[in-house]
Amino acid sequence: MAKSKPNLNVAVEDIPERPAPIVAQRSTRPRRDRAEATGPTVLVGANLEPRYARNLALLHAETGKSKKELLQKALDMLFTSAGGMNLKL
């Protein structure tokens, strides 16, 4: 005949009841509201070397401007220097 398994309920019954420990609540960052688009938008993207993402992240951290704002400014500067008056900004 096989040995009977130990009854673990006895061990649980002997544990004194204590209130649950107080856990410090993590402060949650408020969600950044996305800027309302004034019109239709499109995705402009490219597969670039990792240094571009790293440098963009550094500029974002240093200036506090969103990556979208930084990219828009960079593209506007490119369009102005390369296209001149023929491009709409």
Protein backbone atom coordinates (compact mmCIF):
# COMPACT_ATOMS: atom_id res chain seq x y z
CA MET A 1 0.00 0.00 0.00
CA ALA A 2 1.30 3.46 -0.94
CA LYS A 3 2.07 6.05 1.70
CA SER A 4 -0.56 8.71 2.11
CA LYS A 5 0.46 12.22 1.17
CA PRO A 6 0.95 14.69 4.03
CA ASN A 7 -1.95 16.98 4.79
CA LEU A 8 -0.74 20.54 4.17
CA ASN A 9 -3.98 22.09 5.43
CA VAL A 10 -2.72 21.65 8.98
CA ALA A 11 0.33 23.80 8.22
CA VAL A 12 -1.85 26.55 6.74
CA GLU A 13 -4.19 26.53 9.73
CA ASP A 14 -1.29 27.19 12.12
CA ILE A 15 -0.26 30.41 10.37
CA PRO A 16 -1.45 33.43 12.38
CA GLU A 17 -3.61 35.85 10.46
CA ARG A 18 -1.91 39.18 9.87
CA PRO A 19 -3.14 42.11 7.85
CA ALA A 20 -1.81 42.26 4.35
CA PRO A 21 1.37 44.33 4.04
CA ILE A 22 0.96 47.84 2.77
CA VAL A 23 2.47 48.14 -0.67
CA ALA A 24 3.61 51.55 -1.83
CA GLN A 25 1.69 52.51 -4.92
CA ARG A 26 3.73 53.43 -7.92
CA SER A 27 3.14 56.90 -9.16
CA THR A 28 1.88 56.71 -12.68
CA ARG A 29 2.92 59.25 -15.23
CA PRO A 30 0.04 61.02 -16.86
CA ARG A 31 -0.47 60.06 -20.45
CA ARG A 32 0.73 62.62 -22.88
CA ASP A 33 -2.13 63.94 -24.89
CA ARG A 34 -1.52 63.55 -28.55
CA ALA A 35 -1.81 66.72 -30.51
CA GLU A 36 -4.99 66.87 -32.49
CA ALA A 37 -4.25 66.60 -36.16
CA THR A 38 -5.52 69.60 -38.08
CA GLY A 39 -6.01 67.52 -41.18
CA PRO A 40 -5.24 64.17 -42.68
CA THR A 41 -1.83 62.75 -41.84
CA VAL A 42 0.46 60.18 -43.46
CA LEU A 43 3.31 58.08 -42.15
CA VAL A 44 6.74 59.13 -43.40
CA GLY A 45 9.39 56.58 -42.49
CA ALA A 46 12.71 55.06 -43.46
CA ASN A 47 14.96 52.21 -42.35
CA LEU A 48 18.02 54.04 -41.06
CA GLU A 49 21.15 53.17 -39.11
CA PRO A 50 20.65 52.96 -35.32
CA ARG A 51 22.66 56.18 -34.80
CA TYR A 52 19.77 58.21 -36.22
CA ALA A 53 17.34 56.81 -33.67
CA ARG A 54 19.87 57.30 -30.87
CA ASN A 55 20.60 60.91 -31.85
CA LEU A 56 16.90 61.68 -32.21
CA ALA A 57 16.25 60.24 -28.75
CA LEU A 58 19.08 62.37 -27.31
CA LEU A 59 17.67 65.53 -28.89
CA HIS A 60 14.23 64.62 -27.59
CA ALA A 61 15.62 64.25 -24.06
CA GLU A 62 17.71 67.43 -24.21
CA THR A 63 15.10 69.74 -25.74
CA GLY A 64 11.89 68.26 -24.36
CA LYS A 65 10.36 68.49 -27.84
CA SER A 66 8.62 65.45 -29.24
CA LYS A 67 10.36 63.35 -31.84
CA LYS A 68 7.60 64.32 -34.26
CA GLU A 69 8.32 68.02 -33.75
CA LEU A 70 12.05 67.47 -34.23
CA LEU A 71 11.53 65.51 -37.44
CA GLN A 72 9.07 68.09 -38.79
CA LYS A 73 11.57 70.88 -38.17
CA ALA A 74 14.39 68.90 -39.82
CA LEU A 75 12.24 68.12 -42.87
CA ASP A 76 11.13 71.75 -43.16
CA MET A 77 14.78 72.83 -43.10
CA LEU A 78 15.61 70.25 -45.80
CA PHE A 79 12.71 71.31 -48.00
CA THR A 80 13.63 74.99 -47.65
CA SER A 81 17.29 74.43 -48.50
CA ALA A 82 16.76 71.90 -51.29
CA GLY A 83 13.47 72.95 -52.86
CA GLY A 84 13.24 76.62 -52.27
CA MET A 85 10.01 78.29 -53.22
CA ASN A 86 8.52 75.35 -55.13
CA LEU A 87 7.61 73.39 -51.99
CA LYS A 88 4.71 74.15 -49.67
CA LEU A 89 5.65 74.36 -45.99
